[in-house]
Amino acid sequence: MGDPDGLDGRVFATLNRVREHGGEQWWLYASTCSACGQNWMIAQDERIHDNFVLKRVEPADMERIVQTSEWPGDFLHYGEVLRIEREFGKVAHFADPRSPALVDTIHDLRRERPDISIEDIAFALAISAESTERLLRM
């Protein structure tokens, strides 16, 4: 995203939100494209890397999302969204190494997955293991 030609804006102008997951999965929602009718599950991370992660959703899956709030497993864990962003997207580097966003996210990742390693957290946040350990104590 961040295309100087405005492609990202044009794409998102066609995506109509159908359902927000809400609750603990505040980053997750489902949309349908008004141009082609394709359904999408979208993870929107505004806290750390400021990326969007999209996955096509089959009509049967979209129906389950809308009718029964049954979501596919992709993107249900914030740590997984951060890992995907780190592996496939552009990542942020915080000017403030003690940013509250980093501290809050580290604690959220530990709540979400208590056994997550320091190295996995550091990778997801694009910071060093030493910085992760220091922020974990905050």
N, C-alpha and C. Protein backbone atom coordinates (compact mmCIF):
# COMPACT_ATOMS: atom_id res chain seq x y z
N MET A 1 0.84 -1.18 0.00
CA MET A 1 0.00 0.00 0.00
C MET A 1 0.88 1.25 0.00
N GLY A 2 0.28 2.39 -0.09
CA GLY A 2 1.05 3.61 -0.17
C GLY A 2 1.50 3.93 -1.58
N ASP A 3 0.79 3.40 -2.57
CA ASP A 3 1.11 3.59 -3.98
C ASP A 3 0.98 5.07 -4.34
N PRO A 4 2.01 5.67 -4.92
CA PRO A 4 1.92 7.08 -5.29
C PRO A 4 0.86 7.36 -6.35
N ASP A 5 0.45 6.33 -7.11
CA ASP A 5 -0.59 6.51 -8.12
C ASP A 5 -1.99 6.39 -7.54
N GLY A 6 -2.08 6.09 -6.23
CA GLY A 6 -3.38 6.02 -5.58
C GLY A 6 -4.12 4.71 -5.80
N LEU A 7 -3.44 3.68 -6.26
CA LEU A 7 -4.10 2.40 -6.51
C LEU A 7 -4.74 1.84 -5.24
N ASP A 8 -4.04 1.94 -4.10
CA ASP A 8 -4.60 1.40 -2.87
C ASP A 8 -5.92 2.10 -2.52
N GLY A 9 -6.00 3.39 -2.70
CA GLY A 9 -7.24 4.12 -2.44
C GLY A 9 -8.37 3.68 -3.36
N ARG A 10 -8.04 3.45 -4.63
CA ARG A 10 -9.06 3.00 -5.57
C ARG A 10 -9.53 1.58 -5.24
N VAL A 11 -8.60 0.72 -4.82
CA VAL A 11 -8.99 -0.64 -4.45
C VAL A 11 -9.91 -0.61 -3.23
N PHE A 12 -9.51 0.10 -2.18
CA PHE A 12 -10.31 0.11 -0.96
C PHE A 12 -11.64 0.85 -1.14
N ALA A 13 -11.73 1.72 -2.14
CA ALA A 13 -13.01 2.38 -2.42
C ALA A 13 -14.04 1.38 -2.93
N THR A 14 -13.58 0.25 -3.47
CA THR A 14 -14.51 -0.77 -3.99
C THR A 14 -14.86 -1.84 -2.95
N LEU A 15 -14.18 -1.83 -1.81
CA LEU A 15 -14.40 -2.87 -0.80
C LEU A 15 -15.39 -2.39 0.25
N ASN A 16 -16.57 -2.98 0.21
CA ASN A 16 -17.62 -2.62 1.15
C ASN A 16 -17.60 -3.58 2.34
N ARG A 17 -17.47 -3.01 3.55
CA ARG A 17 -17.45 -3.85 4.74
C ARG A 17 -18.78 -4.55 4.92
N VAL A 18 -18.70 -5.84 5.12
CA VAL A 18 -19.89 -6.66 5.33
C VAL A 18 -20.03 -6.99 6.81
N ARG A 19 -18.89 -7.28 7.45
CA ARG A 19 -18.94 -7.69 8.85
C ARG A 19 -17.59 -7.40 9.50
N GLU A 20 -17.63 -6.83 10.70
CA GLU A 20 -16.42 -6.66 11.50
C GLU A 20 -16.39 -7.77 12.53
N HIS A 21 -15.21 -8.31 12.75
CA HIS A 21 -15.11 -9.35 13.77
C HIS A 21 -15.35 -8.74 15.13
N GLY A 22 -14.63 -7.66 15.43
CA GLY A 22 -14.78 -6.98 16.71
C GLY A 22 -14.19 -7.76 17.86
N GLY A 23 -14.44 -7.27 19.06
CA GLY A 23 -13.94 -7.93 20.26
C GLY A 23 -12.42 -7.97 20.28
N GLU A 24 -11.89 -9.11 20.65
CA GLU A 24 -10.44 -9.25 20.74
C GLU A 24 -9.77 -9.26 19.38
N GLN A 25 -10.51 -9.50 18.32
CA GLN A 25 -9.96 -9.45 16.96
C GLN A 25 -10.35 -8.13 16.30
N TRP A 26 -9.95 -7.02 16.91
CA TRP A 26 -10.31 -5.68 16.48
C TRP A 26 -9.78 -5.36 15.08
N TRP A 27 -8.79 -6.07 14.63
CA TRP A 27 -8.12 -5.80 13.35
C TRP A 27 -8.79 -6.48 12.16
N LEU A 28 -9.82 -7.31 12.38
CA LEU A 28 -10.32 -8.20 11.35
C LEU A 28 -11.72 -7.82 10.88
N TYR A 29 -11.91 -7.80 9.55
CA TYR A 29 -13.24 -7.59 8.99
C TYR A 29 -13.35 -8.27 7.64
N ALA A 30 -14.58 -8.40 7.17
CA ALA A 30 -14.86 -9.03 5.87
C ALA A 30 -15.50 -7.99 4.97
N SER A 31 -15.12 -8.01 3.70
CA SER A 31 -15.63 -7.06 2.71
C SER A 31 -15.98 -7.79 1.41
N THR A 32 -16.81 -7.12 0.62
CA THR A 32 -17.13 -7.60 -0.73
C THR A 32 -16.80 -6.49 -1.70
N CYS A 33 -16.16 -6.85 -2.80
CA CYS A 33 -15.78 -5.87 -3.82
C CYS A 33 -17.01 -5.50 -4.64
N SER A 34 -17.29 -4.21 -4.73
CA SER A 34 -18.45 -3.74 -5.50
C SER A 34 -18.19 -3.82 -7.01
N ALA A 35 -16.93 -3.96 -7.41
CA ALA A 35 -16.61 -4.03 -8.84
C ALA A 35 -16.71 -5.45 -9.39
N CYS A 36 -16.24 -6.44 -8.60
CA CYS A 36 -16.19 -7.81 -9.13
C CYS A 36 -16.98 -8.82 -8.30
N GLY A 37 -17.44 -8.43 -7.12
CA GLY A 37 -18.22 -9.33 -6.27
C GLY A 37 -17.40 -10.29 -5.43
N GLN A 38 -16.07 -10.23 -5.53
CA GLN A 38 -15.20 -11.12 -4.75
C GLN A 38 -15.27 -10.75 -3.27
N ASN A 39 -15.27 -11.77 -2.41
CA ASN A 39 -15.28 -11.57 -0.96
C ASN A 39 -13.85 -11.61 -0.43
N TRP A 40 -13.60 -10.79 0.57
CA TRP A 40 -12.26 -10.68 1.15
C TRP A 40 -12.34 -10.66 2.67
N MET A 41 -11.38 -11.31 3.29
CA MET A 41 -11.15 -11.19 4.72
C MET A 41 -9.93 -10.28 4.84
N ILE A 42 -10.04 -9.24 5.67
CA ILE A 42 -8.99 -8.23 5.72
C ILE A 42 -8.54 -8.01 7.16
N ALA A 43 -7.24 -8.14 7.37
CA ALA A 43 -6.64 -7.81 8.66
C ALA A 43 -5.96 -6.46 8.48
N GLN A 44 -6.38 -5.49 9.26
CA GLN A 44 -5.87 -4.13 9.15
C GLN A 44 -5.09 -3.80 10.41
N ASP A 45 -3.79 -3.86 10.30
CA ASP A 45 -2.92 -3.56 11.44
C ASP A 45 -2.49 -2.10 11.37
N GLU A 46 -3.01 -1.31 12.27
CA GLU A 46 -2.65 0.11 12.32
C GLU A 46 -1.70 0.40 13.48
N ARG A 47 -1.45 -0.61 14.30
CA ARG A 47 -0.67 -0.38 15.51
C ARG A 47 0.84 -0.48 15.28
N ILE A 48 1.28 -1.47 14.53
CA ILE A 48 2.71 -1.71 14.41
C ILE A 48 3.21 -1.41 12.99
N HIS A 49 2.84 -2.19 12.00
CA HIS A 49 3.41 -2.04 10.66
C HIS A 49 2.53 -1.24 9.71
N ASP A 50 1.29 -0.97 10.10
CA ASP A 50 0.36 -0.16 9.30
C ASP A 50 0.15 -0.76 7.91
N ASN A 51 -0.12 -2.06 7.89
CA ASN A 51 -0.37 -2.78 6.64
C ASN A 51 -1.77 -3.38 6.64
N PHE A 52 -2.19 -3.78 5.46
CA PHE A 52 -3.41 -4.55 5.27
C PHE A 52 -3.01 -5.92 4.75
N VAL A 53 -3.62 -6.97 5.29
CA VAL A 53 -3.39 -8.32 4.81
C VAL A 53 -4.74 -8.83 4.33
N LEU A 54 -4.81 -9.24 3.06
CA LEU A 54 -6.08 -9.66 2.47
C LEU A 54 -6.03 -11.12 2.05
N LYS A 55 -7.17 -11.79 2.18
CA LYS A 55 -7.31 -13.15 1.69
C LYS A 55 -8.68 -13.30 1.06
N ARG A 56 -8.72 -13.88 -0.14
CA ARG A 56 -10.00 -14.15 -0.79
C ARG A 56 -10.79 -15.15 0.05
N VAL A 57 -12.08 -14.93 0.10
CA VAL A 57 -12.96 -15.79 0.88
C VAL A 57 -14.02 -16.36 -0.07
N GLU A 58 -14.17 -17.67 -0.02
CA GLU A 58 -15.19 -18.34 -0.84
C GLU A 58 -16.59 -17.92 -0.37
N PRO A 59 -17.58 -17.94 -1.27
CA PRO A 59 -18.94 -17.55 -0.89
C PRO A 59 -19.48 -18.30 0.34
N ALA A 60 -19.21 -19.60 0.45
CA ALA A 60 -19.70 -20.37 1.60
C ALA A 60 -19.07 -19.87 2.90
N ASP A 61 -17.78 -19.52 2.85
CA ASP A 61 -17.12 -18.98 4.04
C ASP A 61 -17.69 -17.61 4.41
N MET A 62 -17.96 -16.78 3.40
CA MET A 62 -18.54 -15.46 3.68
C MET A 62 -19.92 -15.61 4.29
N GLU A 63 -20.68 -16.56 3.80
CA GLU A 63 -22.02 -16.79 4.37
C GLU A 63 -21.92 -17.18 5.84
N ARG A 64 -20.94 -18.04 6.19
CA ARG A 64 -20.76 -18.42 7.59
C ARG A 64 -20.33 -17.22 8.43
N ILE A 65 -19.48 -16.38 7.88
CA ILE A 65 -19.06 -15.17 8.60
C ILE A 65 -20.28 -14.30 8.91
N VAL A 66 -21.09 -14.06 7.90
CA VAL A 66 -22.24 -13.17 8.05
C VAL A 66 -23.33 -13.79 8.92
N GLN A 67 -23.65 -15.06 8.69
CA GLN A 67 -24.79 -15.69 9.37
C GLN A 67 -24.48 -16.12 10.80
N THR A 68 -23.28 -16.69 11.02
CA THR A 68 -23.01 -17.29 12.33
C THR A 68 -21.73 -16.78 12.99
N SER A 69 -21.10 -15.78 12.41
CA SER A 69 -19.83 -15.25 12.91
C SER A 69 -18.75 -16.32 13.00
N GLU A 70 -18.80 -17.29 12.10
CA GLU A 70 -17.78 -18.34 12.03
C GLU A 70 -16.73 -17.92 11.00
N TRP A 71 -15.57 -17.54 11.48
CA TRP A 71 -14.52 -17.01 10.64
C TRP A 71 -13.48 -18.08 10.33
N PRO A 72 -12.92 -18.08 9.11
CA PRO A 72 -11.77 -18.96 8.84
C PRO A 72 -10.64 -18.64 9.82
N GLY A 73 -9.76 -19.57 10.05
CA GLY A 73 -8.71 -19.42 11.05
C GLY A 73 -7.59 -18.45 10.73
N ASP A 74 -7.43 -18.10 9.47
CA ASP A 74 -6.34 -17.18 9.09
C ASP A 74 -6.56 -15.83 9.78
N PHE A 75 -5.68 -15.14 10.27
CA PHE A 75 -5.79 -13.78 10.81
C PHE A 75 -6.51 -13.69 12.16
N LEU A 76 -6.91 -14.80 12.78
CA LEU A 76 -7.61 -14.70 14.07
C LEU A 76 -6.67 -14.34 15.22
N HIS A 77 -5.37 -14.55 15.01
CA HIS A 77 -4.39 -14.23 16.05
C HIS A 77 -3.52 -13.08 15.57
N TYR A 78 -3.45 -12.04 16.39
CA TYR A 78 -2.70 -10.85 16.02
C TYR A 78 -1.24 -11.17 15.74
N GLY A 79 -0.67 -12.08 16.50
CA GLY A 79 0.71 -12.48 16.27
C GLY A 79 0.91 -13.05 14.88
N GLU A 80 -0.06 -13.80 14.39
CA GLU A 80 0.03 -14.36 13.04
C GLU A 80 -0.04 -13.25 11.99
N VAL A 81 -0.89 -12.26 12.22
CA VAL A 81 -0.98 -11.13 11.29
C VAL A 81 0.36 -10.40 11.23
N LEU A 82 0.95 -10.15 12.40
CA LEU A 82 2.25 -9.47 12.44
C LEU A 82 3.33 -10.30 11.74
N ARG A 83 3.30 -11.61 11.94
CA ARG A 83 4.28 -12.49 11.29
C ARG A 83 4.13 -12.41 9.76
N ILE A 84 2.90 -12.46 9.27
CA ILE A 84 2.65 -12.38 7.83
C ILE A 84 3.15 -11.04 7.29
N GLU A 85 2.85 -9.96 8.00
CA GLU A 85 3.32 -8.65 7.57
C GLU A 85 4.84 -8.61 7.50
N ARG A 86 5.47 -9.18 8.49
CA ARG A 86 6.93 -9.17 8.56
C ARG A 86 7.53 -9.97 7.40
N GLU A 87 6.90 -11.09 7.06
CA GLU A 87 7.43 -11.94 6.00
C GLU A 87 7.13 -11.42 4.60
N PHE A 88 6.00 -10.73 4.43
CA PHE A 88 5.57 -10.39 3.07
C PHE A 88 5.36 -8.90 2.81
N GLY A 89 5.41 -8.07 3.84
CA GLY A 89 5.11 -6.67 3.64
C GLY A 89 6.25 -5.77 4.06
N LYS A 90 5.98 -4.51 4.01
CA LYS A 90 6.91 -3.53 4.54
C LYS A 90 6.66 -3.42 6.04
N VAL A 91 7.72 -3.25 6.78
CA VAL A 91 7.57 -3.17 8.23
C VAL A 91 8.02 -1.82 8.74
N ALA A 92 7.46 -1.45 9.86
CA ALA A 92 7.79 -0.17 10.49
C ALA A 92 9.02 -0.34 11.38
N HIS A 93 9.72 0.73 11.55
CA HIS A 93 10.81 0.80 12.51
C HIS A 93 10.53 2.03 13.37
N PHE A 94 10.32 1.82 14.64
CA PHE A 94 9.93 2.88 15.54
C PHE A 94 11.11 3.77 15.90
N ALA A 95 10.91 5.07 15.79
CA ALA A 95 11.94 6.02 16.20
C ALA A 95 12.11 5.99 17.71
N ASP A 96 11.01 5.75 18.42
CA ASP A 96 11.03 5.65 19.88
C ASP A 96 11.14 4.18 20.26
N PRO A 97 12.30 3.74 20.72
CA PRO A 97 12.46 2.31 21.05
C PRO A 97 11.63 1.87 22.25
N ARG A 98 11.00 2.81 22.94
CA ARG A 98 10.15 2.49 24.09
C ARG A 98 8.69 2.86 23.81
N SER A 99 8.33 2.84 22.56
CA SER A 99 6.98 3.22 22.14
C SER A 99 5.92 2.42 22.90
N PRO A 100 4.89 3.09 23.40
CA PRO A 100 3.79 2.37 24.06
C PRO A 100 3.13 1.34 23.15
N ALA A 101 3.11 1.59 21.85
CA ALA A 101 2.53 0.62 20.91
C ALA A 101 3.30 -0.69 20.95
N LEU A 102 4.62 -0.61 21.03
CA LEU A 102 5.44 -1.82 21.12
C LEU A 102 5.21 -2.54 22.44
N VAL A 103 5.20 -1.79 23.53
CA VAL A 103 4.98 -2.39 24.85
C VAL A 103 3.62 -3.07 24.91
N ASP A 104 2.58 -2.37 24.49
CA ASP A 104 1.23 -2.95 24.52
C ASP A 104 1.13 -4.19 23.65
N THR A 105 1.76 -4.16 22.48
CA THR A 105 1.69 -5.30 21.57
C THR A 105 2.43 -6.50 22.13
N ILE A 106 3.57 -6.28 22.74
CA ILE A 106 4.30 -7.39 23.35
C ILE A 106 3.44 -8.07 24.41
N HIS A 107 2.79 -7.28 25.24
CA HIS A 107 1.94 -7.87 26.28
C HIS A 107 0.71 -8.55 25.66
N ASP A 108 0.16 -7.98 24.60
CA ASP A 108 -0.96 -8.62 23.91
C ASP A 108 -0.54 -9.96 23.32
N LEU A 109 0.62 -10.01 22.71
CA LEU A 109 1.10 -11.25 22.12
C LEU A 109 1.32 -12.32 23.19
N ARG A 110 1.81 -11.92 24.34
CA ARG A 110 1.99 -12.87 25.45
C ARG A 110 0.65 -13.36 25.99
N ARG A 111 -0.34 -12.50 26.05
CA ARG A 111 -1.68 -12.93 26.49
C ARG A 111 -2.29 -13.89 25.47
N GLU A 112 -2.12 -13.56 24.20
CA GLU A 112 -2.67 -14.37 23.13
C GLU A 112 -2.01 -15.75 23.07
N ARG A 113 -0.73 -15.76 23.28
CA ARG A 113 0.03 -17.02 23.22
C ARG A 113 1.13 -16.99 24.28
N PRO A 114 0.81 -17.44 25.50
CA PRO A 114 1.77 -17.36 26.61
C PRO A 114 3.12 -18.01 26.35
N ASP A 115 3.17 -18.99 25.46
CA ASP A 115 4.42 -19.70 25.18
C ASP A 115 5.23 -19.07 24.04
N ILE A 116 4.81 -17.92 23.53
CA ILE A 116 5.53 -17.30 22.42
C ILE A 116 6.94 -16.92 22.88
N SER A 117 7.90 -17.18 22.04
CA SER A 117 9.30 -16.91 22.41
C SER A 117 9.64 -15.44 22.20
N ILE A 118 10.66 -15.02 22.90
CA ILE A 118 11.18 -13.66 22.72
C ILE A 118 11.58 -13.45 21.26
N GLU A 119 12.19 -14.46 20.66
CA GLU A 119 12.63 -14.36 19.26
C GLU A 119 11.45 -14.18 18.31
N ASP A 120 10.34 -14.91 18.56
CA ASP A 120 9.16 -14.77 17.70
C ASP A 120 8.53 -13.39 17.84
N ILE A 121 8.50 -12.87 19.06
CA ILE A 121 7.97 -11.51 19.26
C ILE A 121 8.88 -10.51 18.56
N ALA A 122 10.18 -10.65 18.74
CA ALA A 122 11.12 -9.73 18.12
C ALA A 122 10.99 -9.75 16.60
N PHE A 123 10.85 -10.94 16.02
CA PHE A 123 10.69 -11.04 14.57
C PHE A 123 9.43 -10.32 14.11
N ALA A 124 8.30 -10.58 14.78
CA ALA A 124 7.02 -9.98 14.39
C ALA A 124 7.06 -8.46 14.46
N LEU A 125 7.79 -7.92 15.44
CA LEU A 125 7.83 -6.47 15.62
C LEU A 125 9.02 -5.81 14.92
N ALA A 126 9.87 -6.62 14.30
CA ALA A 126 11.06 -6.11 13.60
C ALA A 126 11.98 -5.33 14.55
N ILE A 127 12.17 -5.90 15.76
CA ILE A 127 13.09 -5.32 16.73
C ILE A 127 14.01 -6.44 17.23
N SER A 128 15.01 -6.08 17.97
CA SER A 128 15.95 -7.09 18.47
C SER A 128 15.35 -7.85 19.66
N ALA A 129 15.90 -9.01 19.91
CA ALA A 129 15.48 -9.79 21.08
C ALA A 129 15.79 -9.03 22.37
N GLU A 130 16.91 -8.32 22.38
CA GLU A 130 17.27 -7.54 23.56
C GLU A 130 16.25 -6.43 23.81
N SER A 131 15.84 -5.75 22.76
CA SER A 131 14.81 -4.72 22.91
C SER A 131 13.49 -5.32 23.38
N THR A 132 13.16 -6.48 22.86
CA THR A 132 11.93 -7.16 23.27
C THR A 132 11.97 -7.46 24.76
N GLU A 133 13.08 -8.01 25.24
CA GLU A 133 13.19 -8.33 26.67
C GLU A 133 13.09 -7.08 27.52
N ARG A 134 13.71 -6.00 27.08
CA ARG A 134 13.67 -4.74 27.82
C ARG A 134 12.23 -4.20 27.87
N LEU A 135 11.53 -4.25 26.74
CA LEU A 135 10.15 -3.75 26.69
C LEU A 135 9.20 -4.64 27.48
N LEU A 136 9.48 -5.92 27.54
CA LEU A 136 8.64 -6.84 28.29
C LEU A 136 8.63 -6.52 29.78
N ARG A 137 9.71 -5.93 30.26
CA ARG A 137 9.80 -5.57 31.67
C ARG A 137 9.07 -4.25 31.98
N MET A 138 8.62 -3.57 30.95
CA MET A 138 7.94 -2.26 31.17
C MET A 138 6.49 -2.46 31.54
